[in-house]
Amino acid sequence: MKFRRKSSTPTEPATPETETETVAEETPAEPAQLQGPYDADSMPPEAAAVERVDLGSLLLPPVEGLELRLQVDEASGAIAAVLLTAEDGALELRAFAAPRGVDLWAEVWPQLEADVAQRGGQSTQREGAFGTELVCQLGVTMPDGSQGVQPSRIIGINGDRWLLRATFLGRPAMEVEAGEAWEQVLRYVAVRRGKGAMPKGEALPLVMPPQARRVE
């Protein structure tokens, strides 16, 4: 998966004498792997240099091979979640307000575990690169009307007054190698909390960029 860097300075029009040098300036080396997710207000320079799509509370890197979609709540019209999708899986992202210094994920994952059980599914805990994860199996109705199982893997990352919840679907939820590639996408994400007071657990607002696709 390839990430883009922000263009630093405008380049001069190419001339026969400078064409080779100009091309080299326009194709910078890939940035080193980052170790986010980051707070948008306190990113290190190497993280800030990565191009991102501004969705309000979430800033996501354009990644070759992934399509950006937005889940919209039909009742309110508000954007509920962001999806990065590919043929083999998807990554759903949601950000929430949290008190400073509170491990909100430790409060949230038992609630998610109980919700999966109430809906007839199964979940197990495991320790991953970001801490405690939930690996879930939930029954779903397929497009042809048959019954199937939707695997998912839910990760929570506590930030500075925010919680980022990432849900991997499809192969990234089931296969270690596929999951590691998608986790690298998560490490490039930045969260913009905002300065105002918000209730604990309230969803941070998202906005729609022109290139996004709505998912009802």
Protein backbone atom coordinates (compact mmCIF):
# COMPACT_ATOMS: atom_id res chain seq x y z
CA MET A 1 0.00 0.00 0.00
CA LYS A 2 1.49 3.33 -1.07
CA PHE A 3 0.99 6.65 0.74
CA ARG A 4 1.44 10.14 -0.69
CA ARG A 5 3.52 12.95 0.70
CA LYS A 6 2.55 16.59 0.59
CA SER A 7 4.25 18.56 -2.13
CA SER A 8 6.74 20.89 -0.47
CA THR A 9 7.46 23.72 -2.93
CA PRO A 10 6.23 24.50 -6.45
CA THR A 11 8.61 23.37 -9.19
CA GLU A 12 9.78 25.47 -12.10
CA PRO A 13 8.68 24.52 -15.63
CA ALA A 14 11.05 21.94 -17.08
CA THR A 15 13.67 22.96 -19.61
CA PRO A 16 16.01 20.66 -21.56
CA GLU A 17 18.86 21.57 -19.20
CA THR A 18 16.90 21.00 -15.95
CA GLU A 19 14.42 18.29 -16.90
CA THR A 20 16.21 15.42 -15.14
CA GLU A 21 16.65 17.37 -11.91
CA THR A 22 13.02 18.56 -11.91
CA VAL A 23 11.64 15.04 -12.30
CA ALA A 24 13.71 13.90 -9.32
CA GLU A 25 12.27 16.71 -7.17
CA GLU A 26 8.69 15.79 -8.07
CA THR A 27 9.03 12.15 -7.00
CA PRO A 28 10.25 12.18 -3.38
CA ALA A 29 11.13 8.94 -1.65
CA GLU A 30 8.39 7.10 0.25
CA PRO A 31 8.22 8.31 3.88
CA ALA A 32 9.33 5.95 6.62
CA GLN A 33 6.57 3.93 8.24
CA LEU A 34 4.77 6.05 10.81
CA GLN A 35 3.67 5.04 14.30
CA GLY A 36 0.28 6.77 14.68
CA PRO A 37 -2.59 7.27 14.91
CA TYR A 38 -1.75 10.88 15.70
CA ASP A 39 -3.37 13.89 17.27
CA ALA A 40 -3.79 16.36 14.40
CA ASP A 41 -2.57 19.25 16.57
CA SER A 42 0.69 17.62 17.66
CA MET A 43 2.01 15.53 14.75
CA PRO A 44 5.78 15.22 14.26
CA PRO A 45 7.11 16.70 11.00
CA GLU A 46 7.42 13.34 9.23
CA ALA A 47 3.76 12.58 9.96
CA ALA A 48 2.56 16.06 8.99
CA ALA A 49 4.34 15.67 5.63
CA VAL A 50 1.91 12.92 4.55
CA GLU A 51 -0.99 14.03 2.36
CA ARG A 52 -4.40 13.40 3.99
CA VAL A 53 -8.07 13.81 3.13
CA ASP A 54 -9.71 16.20 5.61
CA LEU A 55 -12.96 14.75 6.98
CA GLY A 56 -13.26 17.09 9.94
CA SER A 57 -12.41 14.98 12.98
CA LEU A 58 -10.52 12.39 10.92
CA LEU A 59 -7.67 13.00 8.49
CA LEU A 60 -7.00 9.94 6.33
CA PRO A 61 -4.16 9.19 3.92
CA PRO A 62 -5.09 8.49 0.29
CA VAL A 63 -3.87 4.93 -0.23
CA GLU A 64 -3.45 3.34 -3.64
CA GLY A 65 -5.94 0.49 -4.01
CA LEU A 66 -8.37 1.67 -1.30
CA GLU A 67 -11.68 3.48 -1.87
CA LEU A 68 -12.97 6.06 0.61
CA ARG A 69 -16.67 5.76 1.52
CA LEU A 70 -18.87 7.36 4.17
CA GLN A 71 -21.68 5.73 6.13
CA VAL A 72 -24.56 8.18 6.52
CA ASP A 73 -27.28 7.86 9.15
CA GLU A 74 -30.60 7.89 7.27
CA ALA A 75 -32.54 9.49 10.13
CA SER A 76 -30.22 12.43 10.86
CA GLY A 77 -28.26 12.71 7.62
CA ALA A 78 -25.05 12.90 9.68
CA ILE A 79 -21.95 10.92 8.73
CA ALA A 80 -21.68 8.01 11.18
CA ALA A 81 -18.42 6.36 10.09
CA VAL A 82 -15.66 6.34 7.49
CA LEU A 83 -14.82 3.25 5.43
CA LEU A 84 -11.68 2.42 3.48
CA THR A 85 -12.54 -0.52 1.23
CA ALA A 86 -10.84 -2.97 -1.13
CA GLU A 87 -11.82 -6.29 -2.69
CA ASP A 88 -10.46 -8.33 0.24
CA GLY A 89 -11.77 -6.27 3.13
CA ALA A 90 -12.46 -2.91 4.72
CA LEU A 91 -11.47 -0.64 7.60
CA GLU A 92 -14.20 1.28 9.43
CA LEU A 93 -13.16 4.28 11.53
CA ARG A 94 -15.07 6.21 14.20
CA ALA A 95 -13.72 8.81 16.64
CA PHE A 96 -15.24 9.76 20.01
CA ALA A 97 -14.69 12.38 22.68
CA ALA A 98 -12.94 11.24 25.85
CA PRO A 99 -11.79 12.90 29.10
CA ARG A 100 -8.09 13.63 29.28
CA GLY A 101 -6.10 10.81 30.89
CA VAL A 102 -8.98 8.28 30.83
CA ASP A 103 -8.64 4.83 29.25
CA LEU A 104 -12.00 4.98 27.48
CA TRP A 105 -11.28 1.86 25.41
CA ALA A 106 -11.12 -0.21 28.63
CA GLU A 107 -14.71 0.90 29.30
CA VAL A 108 -15.95 0.46 25.73
CA TRP A 109 -14.72 -2.99 24.70
CA PRO A 110 -16.69 -4.90 27.39
CA GLN A 111 -19.82 -3.09 26.15
CA LEU A 112 -19.08 -4.14 22.57
CA GLU A 113 -18.45 -7.70 23.74
CA ALA A 114 -21.83 -7.76 25.49
CA ASP A 115 -23.56 -6.31 22.40
CA VAL A 116 -22.10 -9.03 20.14
CA ALA A 117 -23.30 -11.71 22.56
CA GLN A 118 -26.78 -10.16 22.73
CA ARG A 119 -26.99 -10.29 18.93
CA GLY A 120 -26.14 -13.99 18.93
CA GLY A 121 -22.48 -13.64 17.94
CA GLN A 122 -19.22 -14.68 19.51
CA SER A 123 -16.15 -12.66 20.45
CA THR A 124 -12.73 -13.33 21.93
CA GLN A 125 -10.09 -10.99 23.33
CA ARG A 126 -6.50 -10.91 22.20
CA GLU A 127 -3.49 -8.64 22.56
CA GLY A 128 -2.36 -6.99 19.35
CA ALA A 129 -0.06 -4.18 18.24
CA PHE A 130 -2.45 -1.55 19.66
CA GLY A 131 -3.41 -3.40 22.87
CA THR A 132 -6.61 -5.30 23.65
CA GLU A 133 -8.60 -6.26 20.55
CA LEU A 134 -11.94 -7.99 20.05
CA VAL A 135 -12.19 -10.66 17.34
CA CYS A 136 -15.87 -11.18 16.53
CA GLN A 137 -18.07 -13.52 14.52
CA LEU A 138 -21.59 -12.24 13.87
CA GLY A 139 -24.36 -13.84 11.81
CA VAL A 140 -25.56 -11.79 8.81
CA THR A 141 -28.06 -12.21 5.98
CA MET A 142 -26.27 -12.40 2.61
CA PRO A 143 -27.51 -10.54 -0.51
CA ASP A 144 -29.03 -13.79 -1.84
CA GLY A 145 -31.00 -14.30 1.39
CA SER A 146 -28.78 -17.05 2.81
CA GLN A 147 -27.22 -16.85 6.26
CA GLY A 148 -23.50 -16.20 6.66
CA VAL A 149 -20.94 -15.04 9.20
CA GLN A 150 -19.27 -11.62 9.22
CA PRO A 151 -15.82 -11.68 10.85
CA SER A 152 -14.51 -8.46 12.37
CA ARG A 153 -11.62 -7.29 14.51
CA ILE A 154 -12.11 -4.18 16.65
CA ILE A 155 -9.24 -2.04 17.93
CA GLY A 156 -9.43 1.00 20.23
CA ILE A 157 -6.73 3.65 20.51
CA ASN A 158 -6.82 6.25 23.29
CA GLY A 159 -5.57 9.70 22.33
CA ASP A 160 -5.51 13.17 23.86
CA ARG A 161 -9.22 13.57 24.78
CA TRP A 162 -10.31 11.17 22.03
CA LEU A 163 -10.83 7.50 21.29
CA LEU A 164 -10.35 6.11 17.79
CA ARG A 165 -12.23 2.87 17.12
CA ALA A 166 -11.04 0.86 14.12
CA THR A 167 -12.95 -2.18 12.84
CA PHE A 168 -11.31 -4.49 10.31
CA LEU A 169 -13.66 -6.53 8.11
CA GLY A 170 -12.97 -9.47 5.79
CA ARG A 171 -9.43 -10.80 5.33
CA PRO A 172 -7.81 -8.16 7.59
CA ALA A 173 -9.94 -9.52 10.44
CA MET A 174 -8.99 -13.16 9.85
CA GLU A 175 -5.46 -13.32 8.41
CA VAL A 176 -2.39 -12.01 10.21
CA GLU A 177 -0.46 -10.95 7.10
CA ALA A 178 -3.42 -9.13 5.56
CA GLY A 179 -4.19 -7.50 8.90
CA GLU A 180 -0.66 -6.14 9.31
CA ALA A 181 -0.84 -4.36 5.94
CA TRP A 182 -4.11 -2.69 6.91
CA GLU A 183 -2.72 -1.75 10.33
CA GLN A 184 -0.12 0.36 8.54
CA VAL A 185 -2.96 2.44 7.10
CA LEU A 186 -4.23 3.02 10.63
CA ARG A 187 -0.80 4.30 11.70
CA TYR A 188 -1.10 7.19 9.20
CA VAL A 189 -4.50 8.38 10.49
CA ALA A 190 -4.79 11.66 12.44
CA VAL A 191 -7.64 12.68 14.78
CA ARG A 192 -8.75 16.30 15.19
CA ARG A 193 -10.48 16.55 18.58
CA GLY A 194 -11.39 20.23 18.60
CA LYS A 195 -11.22 22.55 21.60
CA GLY A 196 -14.84 22.53 22.82
CA ALA A 197 -16.20 20.45 25.70
CA MET A 198 -18.10 17.30 24.69
CA PRO A 199 -19.77 14.50 26.67
CA LYS A 200 -17.67 11.35 27.11
CA GLY A 201 -18.28 8.93 24.25
CA GLU A 202 -19.96 11.43 21.91
CA ALA A 203 -19.00 10.91 18.26
CA LEU A 204 -16.66 13.55 16.86
CA PRO A 205 -18.22 15.30 13.85
CA LEU A 206 -17.30 14.26 10.31
CA VAL A 207 -17.68 16.24 7.07
CA MET A 208 -17.94 14.99 3.50
CA PRO A 209 -15.19 15.74 0.96
CA PRO A 210 -16.21 16.08 -2.71
CA GLN A 211 -14.59 12.78 -3.75
CA ALA A 212 -16.23 10.56 -1.12
CA ARG A 213 -18.92 8.00 -1.84
CA ARG A 214 -21.95 7.83 0.46
CA VAL A 215 -23.03 4.49 1.92
CA GLU A 216 -26.58 4.56 3.32
